[in-house]
Amino acid sequence: MDHKALPETTVGNVFVPNARMSTRNVNVFYGVKQALTGVTVDIGEKEVIAFIGPSGCGKSTLLRSLNRMNDTIEGCRLEGKVLLDETNIYDSSVDVVALRARVGIVFQKPNPFPKSIFENVAYGPRIHGLTTTKAELNEIVESSLLRAGIWDEVKDRLNQPGTGLSGGQQQRLCIARAIAVSPEVILMDEPCSALDPIATAKVEQLISELRSEYTIVIVTHSMQQAARVSDRTAYFHLGKLIEVGRTKELFINPVHQLTQDYITGRFG
């Protein structure tokens, strides 16, 4: 297959009304290596959008660009604009700590703090000054664990280490930690890749429940997962956004040949 025939412009519904986040002609470089080229896409209010594509295609790079996690990588630089409610998050006036409270992230491998279950969730509200009393903090912790679908499993051991939970429970604890600071957008970087099928199903159910409150962007290596959880899907190839569409339409009738070849397993 001719991988050189990449589109000059992305096909599909790149733009959506009432976008919560947008990228405009984003290029990302790691040193001299270009990881993303000219990516423009809108992320709608309270939608779940999945980023799919072969390993190394740039989907995680774009995800981490949405809350400036790439700032932590030496030699990484971004050109173009990433907008959150029309504000360019790469503007020098933007407070990165405050940004990451608004745009939370859940990583591939569960990474609870070496603290109690309670303190894992309480940490963010505490450092961001979201509560003034112990009762308020208790309420945030409980409501976050409830929304993350793990309260019933941990309510009697809140003072035990979060690291003592199973992998699936740890990932839901990390989701509770992310939503405890009342984010507007939740980024998920292959959140189920380290989990067994039962834990994966619980996280996918959680995504379905959270979609009414949050905008969710999920990077996944599983096309089946993208089909199950997302409203729209974006396909990436060699650092370019090739196609964006309603998930069902993109999987059944993709516009671009590269998307078709990936979905049908000709490469990946």
Protein backbone atom coordinates (compact mmCIF):
# COMPACT_ATOMS: atom_id res chain seq x y z
CA MET A 1 0.00 0.00 0.00
CA ASP A 2 1.20 3.50 -0.81
CA HIS A 3 1.62 5.24 2.53
CA LYS A 4 2.87 8.33 0.73
CA ALA A 5 -0.61 9.22 -0.45
CA LEU A 6 -1.59 11.08 2.71
CA PRO A 7 -4.38 13.62 2.32
CA GLU A 8 -3.56 17.30 2.13
CA THR A 9 -6.69 18.00 4.17
CA THR A 10 -8.43 15.85 6.73
CA VAL A 11 -11.78 14.39 5.72
CA GLY A 12 -14.90 14.19 7.87
CA ASN A 13 -16.62 16.40 10.42
CA VAL A 14 -13.54 18.13 11.81
CA PHE A 15 -15.57 21.10 13.03
CA VAL A 16 -18.47 20.82 15.45
CA PRO A 17 -20.77 23.47 16.97
CA ASN A 18 -20.18 24.43 20.60
CA ALA A 19 -16.68 22.94 20.67
CA ARG A 20 -15.21 22.72 24.16
CA MET A 21 -11.63 22.31 22.85
CA SER A 22 -10.09 22.83 19.42
CA THR A 23 -6.73 22.44 17.75
CA ARG A 24 -5.72 24.62 14.82
CA ASN A 25 -2.89 23.53 12.54
CA VAL A 26 -0.95 21.91 15.39
CA ASN A 27 2.58 20.69 14.72
CA VAL A 28 4.53 18.95 17.49
CA PHE A 29 8.26 18.25 17.45
CA TYR A 30 10.45 16.12 19.70
CA GLY A 31 13.80 17.71 18.96
CA VAL A 32 14.13 17.54 15.17
CA LYS A 33 11.57 14.74 14.78
CA GLN A 34 8.09 15.92 13.83
CA ALA A 35 5.42 13.89 15.62
CA LEU A 36 2.29 15.76 14.47
CA THR A 37 1.66 17.68 11.26
CA GLY A 38 -1.09 20.24 10.75
CA VAL A 39 -3.74 18.76 13.05
CA THR A 40 -7.03 20.68 13.15
CA VAL A 41 -10.01 19.21 15.00
CA ASP A 42 -12.83 20.29 17.30
CA ILE A 43 -13.83 18.39 20.44
CA GLY A 44 -17.49 18.91 21.25
CA GLU A 45 -19.11 19.76 24.55
CA LYS A 46 -19.93 16.57 26.47
CA GLU A 47 -18.92 14.23 23.68
CA VAL A 48 -16.67 11.19 23.80
CA ILE A 49 -14.14 11.28 20.98
CA ALA A 50 -11.72 8.40 20.41
CA PHE A 51 -8.27 8.76 18.84
CA ILE A 52 -7.21 5.58 17.01
CA GLY A 53 -4.34 4.56 14.74
CA PRO A 54 -1.17 2.45 14.61
CA SER A 55 1.53 2.78 17.27
CA GLY A 56 3.58 5.94 16.81
CA CYS A 57 0.92 7.72 14.75
CA GLY A 58 0.71 10.72 17.09
CA LYS A 59 -2.56 10.09 18.90
CA SER A 60 -1.06 10.16 22.43
CA THR A 61 1.10 13.14 21.50
CA LEU A 62 -2.02 15.09 20.56
CA LEU A 63 -3.82 13.96 23.71
CA ARG A 64 -0.98 15.16 25.93
CA SER A 65 -0.92 18.45 24.04
CA LEU A 66 -4.47 19.15 25.21
CA ASN A 67 -3.34 19.84 28.78
CA ARG A 68 0.32 20.62 28.11
CA MET A 69 1.67 17.36 29.55
CA ASN A 70 4.19 17.49 26.70
CA ASP A 71 5.73 20.48 28.50
CA THR A 72 7.39 17.94 30.79
CA ILE A 73 9.29 16.34 27.88
CA GLU A 74 12.64 17.96 27.14
CA GLY A 75 12.95 19.16 23.55
CA CYS A 76 9.22 19.01 22.83
CA ARG A 77 7.69 22.07 21.18
CA LEU A 78 4.32 22.89 19.68
CA GLU A 79 3.30 25.17 16.84
CA GLY A 80 -0.29 26.22 16.17
CA LYS A 81 -3.12 26.72 18.62
CA VAL A 82 -4.89 24.56 21.20
CA LEU A 83 -8.05 26.29 22.38
CA LEU A 84 -10.11 25.72 25.51
CA ASP A 85 -13.23 27.88 25.33
CA GLU A 86 -11.52 30.09 22.73
CA THR A 87 -8.43 30.65 24.92
CA ASN A 88 -5.11 29.41 23.55
CA ILE A 89 -3.78 27.21 26.35
CA TYR A 90 -0.21 27.78 25.12
CA ASP A 91 -0.46 31.53 25.71
CA SER A 92 2.17 32.71 28.19
CA SER A 93 -0.54 34.05 30.51
CA VAL A 94 -2.10 30.61 31.08
CA ASP A 95 -1.56 29.02 34.50
CA VAL A 96 -0.63 25.41 33.68
CA VAL A 97 -1.63 24.10 37.12
CA ALA A 98 -5.10 25.64 36.78
CA LEU A 99 -5.32 24.31 33.20
CA ARG A 100 -4.64 20.76 34.34
CA ALA A 101 -7.41 21.05 36.91
CA ARG A 102 -9.80 21.96 34.07
CA VAL A 103 -8.40 19.33 31.70
CA GLY A 104 -7.60 16.22 33.74
CA ILE A 105 -5.77 13.13 32.51
CA VAL A 106 -5.89 9.42 33.30
CA PHE A 107 -2.85 7.47 32.17
CA GLN A 108 -2.34 4.07 30.59
CA LYS A 109 -1.02 2.47 33.76
CA PRO A 110 -2.91 3.17 36.99
CA ASN A 111 -0.75 5.49 39.10
CA PRO A 112 -2.31 6.08 42.52
CA PHE A 113 -0.25 8.17 44.91
CA PRO A 114 1.48 6.22 47.73
CA LYS A 115 -1.20 7.52 50.08
CA SER A 116 -4.53 6.33 51.44
CA ILE A 117 -7.54 5.97 49.17
CA PHE A 118 -9.04 9.05 50.84
CA GLU A 119 -5.89 11.13 50.41
CA ASN A 120 -5.58 10.16 46.73
CA VAL A 121 -8.91 11.83 46.03
CA ALA A 122 -8.57 14.65 48.56
CA TYR A 123 -5.16 15.77 47.27
CA GLY A 124 -6.39 17.82 44.30
CA PRO A 125 -9.25 19.67 46.03
CA ARG A 126 -6.86 20.47 48.86
CA ILE A 127 -4.05 21.97 46.75
CA HIS A 128 -6.53 23.90 44.59
CA GLY A 129 -8.33 25.31 47.64
CA LEU A 130 -11.72 23.90 46.64
CA THR A 131 -12.83 23.22 50.21
CA THR A 132 -12.76 25.13 53.48
CA THR A 133 -14.00 22.48 55.90
CA LYS A 134 -13.37 18.81 56.59
CA ALA A 135 -17.06 18.11 55.89
CA GLU A 136 -16.78 19.66 52.41
CA LEU A 137 -13.69 17.63 51.68
CA ASN A 138 -15.39 14.44 52.85
CA GLU A 139 -18.33 15.22 50.55
CA ILE A 140 -16.08 15.74 47.52
CA VAL A 141 -14.19 12.51 48.18
CA GLU A 142 -17.38 10.50 48.56
CA SER A 143 -19.09 12.01 45.51
CA SER A 144 -15.97 11.50 43.37
CA LEU A 145 -15.66 7.86 44.39
CA LEU A 146 -19.38 7.40 43.75
CA ARG A 147 -19.17 8.91 40.27
CA ALA A 148 -16.12 6.76 39.55
CA GLY A 149 -18.16 3.69 40.44
CA ILE A 150 -15.88 2.50 43.22
CA TRP A 151 -17.41 3.89 46.44
CA ASP A 152 -19.12 0.66 47.48
CA GLU A 153 -15.85 -1.24 47.10
CA VAL A 154 -13.70 1.14 49.17
CA LYS A 155 -16.00 2.99 51.60
CA ASP A 156 -14.94 0.80 54.52
CA ARG A 157 -11.21 1.10 53.87
CA LEU A 158 -10.64 4.74 52.95
CA ASN A 159 -7.55 4.90 55.17
CA GLN A 160 -5.86 1.96 53.46
CA PRO A 161 -3.28 2.52 50.69
CA GLY A 162 -4.62 3.11 47.19
CA THR A 163 -1.79 0.94 45.91
CA GLY A 164 -3.38 -2.04 47.66
CA LEU A 165 -6.35 -2.07 45.26
CA SER A 166 -6.62 -4.27 42.19
CA GLY A 167 -5.53 -2.81 38.84
CA GLY A 168 -9.08 -2.03 37.75
CA GLN A 169 -9.91 -0.47 41.10
CA GLN A 170 -6.73 1.61 40.97
CA GLN A 171 -7.71 2.95 37.55
CA ARG A 172 -11.17 3.92 38.81
CA LEU A 173 -9.50 5.54 41.84
CA CYS A 174 -7.36 7.56 39.40
CA ILE A 175 -10.53 8.60 37.56
CA ALA A 176 -12.06 9.63 40.92
CA ARG A 177 -8.89 11.64 41.62
CA ALA A 178 -9.22 13.36 38.23
CA ILE A 179 -12.88 14.33 38.66
CA ALA A 180 -12.44 15.48 42.29
CA VAL A 181 -11.20 18.89 41.07
CA SER A 182 -14.30 19.35 38.86
CA PRO A 183 -12.60 19.25 35.45
CA GLU A 184 -14.42 20.17 32.24
CA VAL A 185 -12.47 17.75 30.04
CA ILE A 186 -11.07 14.30 30.91
CA LEU A 187 -8.24 12.87 28.82
CA MET A 188 -7.74 9.10 28.90
CA ASP A 189 -4.55 7.64 27.44
CA GLU A 190 -5.31 3.95 26.77
CA PRO A 191 -6.91 3.65 30.23
CA CYS A 192 -7.77 -0.04 29.85
CA SER A 193 -4.64 -1.44 28.18
CA ALA A 194 -3.26 -2.77 31.49
CA LEU A 195 -6.63 -4.15 32.68
CA ASP A 196 -8.39 -7.49 32.37
CA PRO A 197 -11.70 -7.75 30.45
CA ILE A 198 -13.89 -7.42 33.56
CA ALA A 199 -12.08 -4.29 34.77
CA THR A 200 -12.14 -2.92 31.21
CA ALA A 201 -15.91 -3.35 31.05
CA LYS A 202 -16.29 -1.43 34.32
CA VAL A 203 -14.18 1.47 33.05
CA GLU A 204 -16.13 1.54 29.77
CA GLN A 205 -19.40 1.60 31.72
CA LEU A 206 -17.98 4.47 33.75
CA ILE A 207 -17.15 6.42 30.57
CA SER A 208 -20.76 5.96 29.44
CA GLU A 209 -21.99 7.35 32.75
CA LEU A 210 -19.55 10.30 32.83
CA ARG A 211 -20.35 11.48 29.29
CA SER A 212 -23.39 13.43 30.55
CA GLU A 213 -21.11 15.60 32.72
CA TYR A 214 -17.76 15.78 30.94
CA THR A 215 -16.08 16.08 27.58
CA ILE A 216 -13.96 12.93 27.23
CA VAL A 217 -11.07 12.24 24.87
CA ILE A 218 -9.83 8.66 24.82
CA VAL A 219 -6.79 7.22 23.07
CA THR A 220 -7.29 3.52 22.48
CA HIS A 221 -5.51 0.77 20.56
CA SER A 222 -8.78 -1.16 20.52
CA MET A 223 -11.14 -0.36 17.65
CA GLN A 224 -13.81 -2.38 19.45
CA GLN A 225 -13.47 -0.12 22.47
CA ALA A 226 -13.70 3.00 20.31
CA ALA A 227 -16.86 1.58 18.74
CA ARG A 228 -18.39 0.85 22.15
CA VAL A 229 -17.69 4.12 23.97
CA SER A 230 -17.25 7.03 21.53
CA ASP A 231 -19.55 9.40 19.69
CA ARG A 232 -16.90 10.34 17.13
CA THR A 233 -13.61 8.73 16.14
CA ALA A 234 -10.47 10.33 14.72
CA TYR A 235 -8.01 8.19 12.77
CA PHE A 236 -4.32 9.16 12.76
CA HIS A 237 -1.52 7.94 10.51
CA LEU A 238 2.15 8.98 10.49
CA GLY A 239 1.50 12.11 12.52
CA LYS A 240 -1.46 13.30 10.45
CA LEU A 241 -5.16 13.32 11.27
CA ILE A 242 -6.60 11.42 8.32
CA GLU A 243 -10.31 11.24 9.04
CA VAL A 244 -12.86 12.23 11.67
CA GLY A 245 -16.43 11.02 11.73
CA ARG A 246 -19.35 9.72 13.69
CA THR A 247 -17.99 6.46 15.07
CA LYS A 248 -20.55 4.14 13.50
CA GLU A 249 -20.21 5.80 10.10
CA LEU A 250 -16.40 5.80 10.20
CA PHE A 251 -16.21 2.10 11.01
CA ILE A 252 -18.86 1.07 8.48
CA ASN A 253 -18.06 3.42 5.61
CA PRO A 254 -14.76 5.30 6.03
CA VAL A 255 -14.02 7.95 3.43
CA HIS A 256 -10.24 7.57 3.21
CA GLN A 257 -8.49 4.45 1.95
CA LEU A 258 -5.93 4.55 4.79
CA THR A 259 -8.78 4.41 7.34
CA GLN A 260 -10.37 1.52 5.46
CA ASP A 261 -7.09 -0.40 5.37
CA TYR A 262 -6.50 0.08 9.11
CA ILE A 263 -10.01 -0.90 10.12
CA THR A 264 -9.95 -4.02 7.95
CA GLY A 265 -6.58 -5.08 9.38
CA ARG A 266 -4.35 -4.58 6.33
CA PHE A 267 -1.85 -2.86 8.61
CA GLY A 268 -1.63 -1.62 12.19
